Amino acid sequence: LFPATLTYDTLRFEYEDFPETKEPVWILGRKYSVFTEKEEILLDVTSRLWFTYRKNFPAIGGTGPTSDTGWGCMLRCGQMIFAQALVCRHLGRDWRWIKGKRQMDNYFNVLNAFIDKKDSYYSIHQIAQMGVGEGKSIGQWYGPNTVAQVLKKLATFDTWSSLAVHIAMDNTVVMEEIRRLCQSNVPCAGAAACPALDSDVLYNGCPEDLGLRGRLPLWKPLVLLIPLRLGLTEINEAYIETLKHCFMMPQSLGVIGGKPNSAHYFIGYVGEELIYLDPHTTQPAVEPGDSGCLPDESFHCQHPPCRMSIAELDPSIAVGFFCNTEADFNDWCQQIKKLSLVRGALPMFELVERQPSHFSNPDVLNLTP
């Protein structure tokens, strides 16, 4: 682990590790040049919430493990991709974490949703215990699909974020299902439970007004997770171009996956290499300080991100996207349609307007409790 005193000045030398290439660097929908924007790339990466193995947290379920070292890497990657959705939802994609700078309350609200204790919305405790319903005992390794299903269930309790979470199964994204899910006219449960509802976000740019309430369908911000298998034992090269394009979309939340039995959170690519945050570092669990403020430095990766060849990627992944408004979703659909026209790029999934009739009676409405 790098010392906590690292500054951007001491990082310049370390950062030469990044390839000196004319190829653009893509990080979650943002394009950078290594030659002119090194600091910006690093600041963008450092600003992502980085969740790693932790030790000495309260026992899961009261009597279970107090560390997730060795088994929690995919759960941590699930936390990272979901935290990115919450950052986009509450802070915006342009938000940056500056070491030592006082952060806004919403930042701590997002971070607190993932802290290692039983009552945080998306804590390792909640994910591990909710996974029991998915057939995973506590301490058992998850795949990308399992962690996506569990996060979807947990998000129903997060009334503050009021997200619509859709998991597209069978390599098919059904637009009608998503619209039905996001336009559910159920306002957030109780104003008190939603301290930070931005009416301009929820009402698609219209200030909250009782007259409008009846006329405007509410669009819940969408987290779209698509579990995929891109080959049998290794990734089929035909999917590589399409996978790269996913990191170029402004709606990108990145990809969870990794190498066999070793999960990573992929946030971008440069050339033929994926850029990722690695959860395989064990840090002590964090306790709020005397002021009640959370020491947050260990939740930001302050050294250059890891890289690996795309060809080494395990074929089992889940791709994530965040659409804050209906316009974002429509734009995403257009980009996916254009992508199917790119030569040499095999589509990773299909985008359809309605549910194909051959599907076996799924939960069509995808209603959340």
Protein backbone atom coordinates (compact mmCIF):
# COMPACT_ATOMS: atom_id res chain seq x y z
CA LEU A 1 0.00 0.00 0.00
CA PHE A 2 1.20 3.49 -0.80
CA PRO A 3 1.76 5.80 2.17
CA ALA A 4 -1.15 8.04 3.00
CA THR A 5 1.09 11.10 2.50
CA LEU A 6 1.40 10.67 -1.28
CA THR A 7 0.95 13.91 -3.16
CA TYR A 8 0.42 14.52 -6.86
CA ASP A 9 4.04 15.76 -7.06
CA THR A 10 5.49 12.48 -5.85
CA LEU A 11 3.15 10.64 -8.21
CA ARG A 12 4.54 12.18 -11.38
CA PHE A 13 7.43 9.77 -11.49
CA GLU A 14 5.22 6.76 -10.65
CA TYR A 15 2.79 7.81 -13.31
CA GLU A 16 5.33 7.35 -16.11
CA ASP A 17 4.18 3.74 -15.79
CA PHE A 18 1.24 4.88 -17.95
CA PRO A 19 2.13 4.19 -21.60
CA GLU A 20 3.39 7.17 -23.60
CA THR A 21 0.98 6.65 -26.45
CA LYS A 22 -0.96 8.70 -28.97
CA GLU A 23 -3.93 6.41 -28.29
CA PRO A 24 -6.65 8.18 -26.29
CA VAL A 25 -7.30 7.12 -22.71
CA TRP A 26 -11.00 6.51 -22.03
CA ILE A 27 -12.29 6.65 -18.44
CA LEU A 28 -16.04 6.12 -17.94
CA GLY A 29 -17.14 8.08 -21.00
CA ARG A 30 -14.39 10.73 -20.85
CA LYS A 31 -11.58 10.94 -23.41
CA TYR A 32 -8.08 12.04 -22.36
CA SER A 33 -4.65 12.45 -23.90
CA VAL A 34 -1.71 10.97 -21.97
CA PHE A 35 0.54 13.76 -23.24
CA THR A 36 -1.52 16.77 -22.16
CA GLU A 37 -3.92 15.49 -19.49
CA LYS A 38 -2.01 13.15 -17.18
CA GLU A 39 -3.05 15.05 -14.05
CA GLU A 40 -6.69 15.04 -15.16
CA ILE A 41 -6.63 11.29 -15.83
CA LEU A 42 -5.16 10.62 -12.41
CA LEU A 43 -7.62 12.94 -10.67
CA ASP A 44 -10.54 11.24 -12.44
CA VAL A 45 -9.31 7.78 -11.38
CA THR A 46 -8.59 8.90 -7.80
CA SER A 47 -12.08 10.38 -7.54
CA ARG A 48 -13.78 7.00 -8.09
CA LEU A 49 -14.74 5.26 -4.86
CA TRP A 50 -12.32 2.39 -4.32
CA PHE A 51 -13.51 -0.50 -2.18
CA THR A 52 -11.05 -3.17 -1.12
CA TYR A 53 -10.91 -6.09 1.25
CA ARG A 54 -11.23 -4.90 4.87
CA LYS A 55 -10.49 -6.55 8.21
CA ASN A 56 -11.83 -6.07 11.75
CA PHE A 57 -15.32 -4.95 10.77
CA PRO A 58 -18.36 -6.03 12.86
CA ALA A 59 -19.08 -9.73 12.32
CA ILE A 60 -21.45 -10.35 9.40
CA GLY A 61 -24.75 -11.58 10.80
CA GLY A 62 -23.40 -11.13 14.33
CA THR A 63 -21.34 -14.33 14.34
CA GLY A 64 -19.89 -14.49 10.80
CA PRO A 65 -16.60 -13.30 9.29
CA THR A 66 -14.99 -10.00 10.35
CA SER A 67 -12.92 -9.76 7.15
CA ASP A 68 -13.70 -10.42 3.47
CA THR A 69 -10.09 -11.13 2.43
CA GLY A 70 -10.02 -13.99 -0.06
CA TRP A 71 -13.72 -14.08 -0.85
CA GLY A 72 -15.15 -10.55 -1.13
CA CYS A 73 -13.46 -9.22 -4.29
CA MET A 74 -16.54 -9.44 -6.55
CA LEU A 75 -18.72 -8.00 -3.77
CA ARG A 76 -16.30 -5.05 -3.56
CA CYS A 77 -16.41 -4.63 -7.37
CA GLY A 78 -20.22 -4.61 -7.16
CA GLN A 79 -19.94 -1.88 -4.53
CA MET A 80 -17.61 0.14 -6.80
CA ILE A 81 -19.83 0.03 -9.89
CA PHE A 82 -22.89 0.89 -7.78
CA ALA A 83 -21.04 3.66 -5.95
CA GLN A 84 -20.23 5.16 -9.34
CA ALA A 85 -23.98 5.19 -10.09
CA LEU A 86 -24.65 6.97 -6.78
CA VAL A 87 -21.86 9.49 -7.46
CA CYS A 88 -23.43 10.27 -10.86
CA ARG A 89 -26.87 10.48 -9.25
CA HIS A 90 -25.99 12.74 -6.30
CA LEU A 91 -22.71 14.49 -7.23
CA GLY A 92 -22.49 14.32 -11.03
CA ARG A 93 -19.88 12.83 -13.36
CA ASP A 94 -17.77 16.02 -13.16
CA TRP A 95 -17.35 15.84 -9.39
CA ARG A 96 -13.75 15.34 -8.21
CA TRP A 97 -12.27 14.27 -4.89
CA ILE A 98 -9.39 16.50 -3.79
CA LYS A 99 -7.33 15.21 -0.90
CA GLY A 100 -7.71 17.36 2.19
CA LYS A 101 -10.56 19.41 0.72
CA ARG A 102 -13.82 19.52 2.68
CA GLN A 103 -16.37 17.49 0.75
CA MET A 104 -20.08 18.18 0.52
CA ASP A 105 -22.60 16.27 2.65
CA ASN A 106 -23.92 14.29 -0.31
CA TYR A 107 -20.46 12.80 -0.80
CA PHE A 108 -20.46 11.45 2.75
CA ASN A 109 -24.03 10.22 2.31
CA VAL A 110 -22.88 8.20 -0.71
CA LEU A 111 -19.79 6.88 1.10
CA ASN A 112 -21.80 5.96 4.20
CA ALA A 113 -24.09 3.79 2.08
CA PHE A 114 -21.12 1.39 1.58
CA ILE A 115 -19.40 1.44 4.99
CA ASP A 116 -18.73 -2.00 6.55
CA LYS A 117 -21.59 -2.13 9.03
CA LYS A 118 -24.89 -3.92 9.00
CA ASP A 119 -27.16 -0.89 8.53
CA SER A 120 -25.46 0.67 5.47
CA TYR A 121 -27.57 0.17 2.33
CA TYR A 122 -24.84 -1.53 0.29
CA SER A 123 -22.40 -2.75 2.96
CA ILE A 124 -20.53 -6.02 2.61
CA HIS A 125 -22.84 -7.21 5.42
CA GLN A 126 -26.00 -6.49 3.41
CA ILE A 127 -24.59 -7.93 0.16
CA ALA A 128 -23.36 -11.13 1.83
CA GLN A 129 -26.62 -11.69 3.72
CA MET A 130 -28.87 -10.84 0.76
CA GLY A 131 -26.79 -13.28 -1.31
CA VAL A 132 -28.05 -16.15 0.83
CA GLY A 133 -31.37 -15.75 -1.02
CA GLU A 134 -29.45 -16.16 -4.29
CA GLY A 135 -28.03 -19.47 -3.07
CA LYS A 136 -24.67 -18.12 -1.88
CA SER A 137 -23.57 -18.85 1.67
CA ILE A 138 -21.72 -16.07 3.52
CA GLY A 139 -18.05 -16.14 2.53
CA GLN A 140 -18.73 -17.79 -0.81
CA TRP A 141 -17.38 -16.27 -4.04
CA TYR A 142 -19.86 -14.40 -6.28
CA GLY A 143 -20.02 -14.03 -10.05
CA PRO A 144 -20.98 -10.75 -11.77
CA ASN A 145 -24.63 -11.79 -12.23
CA THR A 146 -25.11 -12.73 -8.56
CA VAL A 147 -23.75 -9.43 -7.26
CA ALA A 148 -25.92 -7.52 -9.77
CA GLN A 149 -29.08 -9.36 -8.61
CA VAL A 150 -28.25 -8.67 -4.95
CA LEU A 151 -27.57 -4.96 -5.53
CA LYS A 152 -30.88 -4.64 -7.35
CA LYS A 153 -32.69 -6.01 -4.28
CA LEU A 154 -30.78 -3.75 -1.89
CA ALA A 155 -31.48 -0.64 -3.99
CA THR A 156 -35.21 -0.94 -3.23
CA PHE A 157 -34.45 0.12 0.37
CA ASP A 158 -32.41 3.15 -0.71
CA THR A 159 -35.24 5.70 -0.89
CA TRP A 160 -32.72 8.57 -0.89
CA SER A 161 -31.32 7.55 -4.29
CA SER A 162 -34.69 6.36 -5.63
CA LEU A 163 -33.10 4.34 -8.44
CA ALA A 164 -34.67 2.05 -11.00
CA VAL A 165 -32.33 -0.94 -11.31
CA HIS A 166 -32.75 -3.20 -14.32
CA ILE A 167 -30.75 -6.35 -14.99
CA ALA A 168 -30.98 -7.37 -18.62
CA MET A 169 -30.89 -11.16 -18.86
CA ASP A 170 -30.38 -13.45 -21.87
CA ASN A 171 -28.18 -10.84 -23.62
CA THR A 172 -31.30 -8.80 -24.39
CA VAL A 173 -32.20 -5.25 -23.34
CA VAL A 174 -35.96 -4.66 -23.68
CA MET A 175 -36.63 -0.91 -23.98
CA GLU A 176 -40.33 -1.22 -23.11
CA GLU A 177 -39.51 -2.95 -19.81
CA ILE A 178 -37.06 -0.24 -18.85
CA ARG A 179 -39.48 2.57 -19.68
CA ARG A 180 -42.16 0.90 -17.60
CA LEU A 181 -39.77 0.53 -14.70
CA CYS A 182 -38.44 4.11 -14.84
CA GLN A 183 -41.76 5.81 -15.45
CA SER A 184 -43.48 4.16 -12.53
CA ASN A 185 -45.57 7.04 -11.21
CA VAL A 186 -44.91 6.18 -7.60
CA PRO A 187 -43.33 9.19 -5.90
CA CYS A 188 -40.58 8.53 -3.40
CA ALA A 189 -41.92 7.16 -0.11
CA GLY A 190 -42.38 10.15 2.20
CA ALA A 191 -40.53 13.42 1.76
CA ALA A 192 -38.65 12.93 5.00
CA ALA A 193 -37.12 9.72 3.69
CA CYS A 194 -35.75 11.64 0.71
CA PRO A 195 -33.78 14.55 2.11
CA ALA A 196 -32.08 15.40 -1.16
CA LEU A 197 -34.65 14.90 -3.88
CA ASP A 198 -33.63 17.22 -6.67
CA SER A 199 -36.94 18.11 -8.22
CA ASP A 200 -35.20 19.25 -11.39
CA VAL A 201 -33.66 15.80 -11.77
CA LEU A 202 -36.77 13.86 -10.92
CA TYR A 203 -39.13 15.94 -12.97
CA ASN A 204 -36.89 16.10 -16.04
CA GLY A 205 -36.03 19.76 -15.74
CA CYS A 206 -39.43 21.01 -14.52
CA PRO A 207 -39.56 22.49 -11.04
CA GLU A 208 -41.76 20.55 -8.67
CA ASP A 209 -45.25 21.87 -9.06
CA LEU A 210 -48.50 20.23 -8.07
CA GLY A 211 -50.09 21.02 -11.41
CA LEU A 212 -47.25 19.26 -13.23
CA ARG A 213 -47.23 16.27 -10.95
CA GLY A 214 -50.31 14.77 -12.53
CA ARG A 215 -49.18 15.38 -16.10
CA LEU A 216 -45.49 14.45 -16.05
CA PRO A 217 -44.45 10.85 -15.74
CA LEU A 218 -41.72 10.57 -13.13
CA TRP A 219 -38.46 9.19 -14.59
CA LYS A 220 -36.45 7.37 -11.99
CA PRO A 221 -32.70 7.45 -12.65
CA LEU A 222 -31.77 4.13 -14.25
CA VAL A 223 -28.96 1.76 -13.33
CA LEU A 224 -28.73 -0.80 -16.13
CA LEU A 225 -26.60 -3.87 -15.51
CA ILE A 226 -26.07 -6.41 -18.29
CA PRO A 227 -24.46 -9.74 -17.30
CA LEU A 228 -22.74 -11.26 -20.34
CA ARG A 229 -20.62 -14.18 -21.39
CA LEU A 230 -18.26 -13.17 -24.18
CA GLY A 231 -16.79 -16.57 -25.01
CA LEU A 232 -16.34 -20.02 -23.48
CA THR A 233 -13.00 -19.98 -21.66
CA GLU A 234 -11.52 -16.77 -23.02
CA ILE A 235 -12.96 -13.60 -24.53
CA ASN A 236 -13.92 -13.90 -28.20
CA GLU A 237 -11.86 -11.27 -30.07
CA ALA A 238 -14.93 -10.24 -32.07
CA TYR A 239 -16.38 -8.58 -28.94
CA ILE A 240 -13.34 -6.45 -28.08
CA GLU A 241 -14.28 -3.39 -30.19
CA THR A 242 -17.81 -3.37 -28.76
CA LEU A 243 -16.49 -3.67 -25.21
CA LYS A 244 -14.18 -0.68 -25.80
CA HIS A 245 -17.13 1.36 -27.07
CA CYS A 246 -18.97 0.77 -23.78
CA PHE A 247 -16.25 2.79 -21.98
CA MET A 248 -16.68 5.62 -24.53
CA MET A 249 -20.36 6.23 -23.75
CA PRO A 250 -21.13 9.10 -21.35
CA GLN A 251 -23.57 6.76 -19.55
CA SER A 252 -20.78 4.25 -18.78
CA LEU A 253 -20.49 2.85 -15.24
CA GLY A 254 -17.71 0.50 -16.32
CA VAL A 255 -17.52 -3.27 -16.15
CA ILE A 256 -17.18 -5.80 -13.36
CA GLY A 257 -15.36 -9.03 -14.11
CA GLY A 258 -11.70 -9.95 -14.03
CA LYS A 259 -9.44 -12.92 -14.41
CA PRO A 260 -10.65 -16.36 -13.23
CA ASN A 261 -11.45 -16.10 -9.48
CA SER A 262 -9.99 -12.60 -9.23
CA ALA A 263 -12.48 -9.76 -9.68
CA HIS A 264 -11.67 -6.25 -10.90
CA TYR A 265 -13.64 -3.06 -11.57
CA PHE A 266 -12.80 -1.89 -15.09
CA ILE A 267 -13.18 1.86 -15.60
CA GLY A 268 -11.63 2.40 -19.02
CA TYR A 269 -9.06 1.40 -21.58
CA VAL A 270 -6.02 2.61 -23.52
CA GLY A 271 -4.92 0.81 -26.68
CA GLU A 272 -5.38 -2.93 -26.07
CA GLU A 273 -5.30 -2.62 -22.28
CA LEU A 274 -8.12 -2.29 -19.77
CA ILE A 275 -7.72 0.15 -16.87
CA TYR A 276 -9.06 -1.10 -13.55
CA LEU A 277 -9.34 -0.64 -9.80
CA ASP A 278 -8.23 -3.69 -7.85
CA PRO A 279 -9.95 -4.68 -4.59
CA HIS A 280 -7.18 -7.13 -3.57
CA THR A 281 -5.63 -5.00 -0.81
CA THR A 282 -6.66 -5.61 2.79
CA GLN A 283 -7.17 -2.40 4.77
CA PRO A 284 -8.47 -1.97 8.33
CA ALA A 285 -12.17 -1.19 8.61
CA VAL A 286 -12.85 2.53 8.99
CA GLU A 287 -14.58 4.04 12.01
CA PRO A 288 -16.07 7.56 12.01
CA GLY A 289 -13.75 10.08 13.71
CA ASP A 290 -14.49 12.02 16.91
CA SER A 291 -16.27 14.71 14.90
CA GLY A 292 -18.51 12.01 13.40
CA CYS A 293 -16.75 12.64 10.08
CA LEU A 294 -15.52 9.63 8.16
CA PRO A 295 -11.79 9.45 7.34
CA ASP A 296 -12.11 8.81 3.62
CA GLU A 297 -8.59 8.68 2.14
CA SER A 298 -8.47 4.88 2.06
CA PHE A 299 -11.54 4.89 -0.23
CA HIS A 300 -9.62 6.58 -3.05
CA CYS A 301 -6.87 4.86 -5.02
CA GLN A 302 -4.04 7.41 -4.98
CA HIS A 303 -1.60 5.56 -7.19
CA PRO A 304 -1.76 4.97 -10.95
CA PRO A 305 -4.49 2.46 -11.84
CA CYS A 306 -3.73 -1.13 -12.80
CA ARG A 307 -3.82 -2.28 -16.42
CA MET A 308 -4.17 -5.63 -18.14
CA SER A 309 -4.49 -6.89 -21.69
CA ILE A 310 -8.11 -7.12 -22.87
CA ALA A 311 -7.32 -10.62 -24.17
CA GLU A 312 -6.79 -11.82 -20.56
CA LEU A 313 -10.31 -10.86 -19.48
CA ASP A 314 -12.46 -13.69 -18.16
CA PRO A 315 -15.44 -13.94 -20.56
CA SER A 316 -18.00 -13.63 -17.73
CA ILE A 317 -18.65 -9.92 -17.05
CA ALA A 318 -21.41 -7.43 -16.26
CA VAL A 319 -21.51 -4.08 -18.06
CA GLY A 320 -23.10 -1.08 -16.31
CA PHE A 321 -24.76 2.13 -17.51
CA PHE A 322 -26.44 5.05 -15.71
CA CYS A 323 -29.20 7.12 -17.35
CA ASN A 324 -30.22 10.01 -15.14
CA THR A 325 -33.05 11.17 -17.43
CA GLU A 326 -35.21 9.74 -20.16
CA ALA A 327 -33.17 11.75 -22.68
CA ASP A 328 -30.02 9.98 -21.40
CA PHE A 329 -31.69 6.62 -21.98
CA ASN A 330 -32.87 7.56 -25.49
CA ASP A 331 -29.37 8.75 -26.32
CA TRP A 332 -27.90 5.49 -25.00
CA CYS A 333 -30.31 3.47 -27.19
CA GLN A 334 -29.22 5.48 -30.25
CA GLN A 335 -25.55 4.84 -29.48
CA ILE A 336 -26.13 1.10 -29.10
CA LYS A 337 -27.98 1.01 -32.44
CA LYS A 338 -25.10 2.86 -34.14
CA LEU A 339 -22.64 0.44 -32.57
CA SER A 340 -24.29 -2.47 -34.36
CA LEU A 341 -23.19 -0.83 -37.64
CA VAL A 342 -19.48 -0.65 -36.72
CA ARG A 343 -17.50 -3.02 -38.91
CA GLY A 344 -15.68 -5.81 -37.10
CA ALA A 345 -17.61 -5.22 -33.87
CA LEU A 346 -19.88 -8.08 -32.81
CA PRO A 347 -22.79 -6.88 -30.63
CA MET A 348 -22.48 -8.13 -27.04
CA PHE A 349 -26.23 -7.88 -26.48
CA GLU A 350 -29.42 -7.19 -28.40
CA LEU A 351 -31.55 -4.06 -28.00
CA VAL A 352 -35.25 -4.70 -28.70
CA GLU A 353 -38.40 -2.59 -28.29
CA ARG A 354 -40.60 -5.36 -26.80
CA GLN A 355 -40.18 -8.67 -25.09
CA PRO A 356 -39.64 -11.39 -27.74
CA SER A 357 -42.52 -13.88 -27.59
CA HIS A 358 -40.17 -16.87 -27.21
CA PHE A 359 -39.04 -15.73 -23.74
CA SER A 360 -40.27 -18.06 -21.04
CA ASN A 361 -42.69 -16.08 -18.88
CA PRO A 362 -40.21 -13.83 -17.03
CA ASP A 363 -41.09 -11.23 -14.46
CA VAL A 364 -42.34 -9.02 -17.28
CA LEU A 365 -43.08 -5.91 -15.25
CA ASN A 366 -39.84 -6.24 -13.32
CA LEU A 367 -41.63 -4.66 -10.38
CA THR A 368 -39.71 -3.96 -7.21
CA PRO A 369 -41.31 -4.59 -3.84
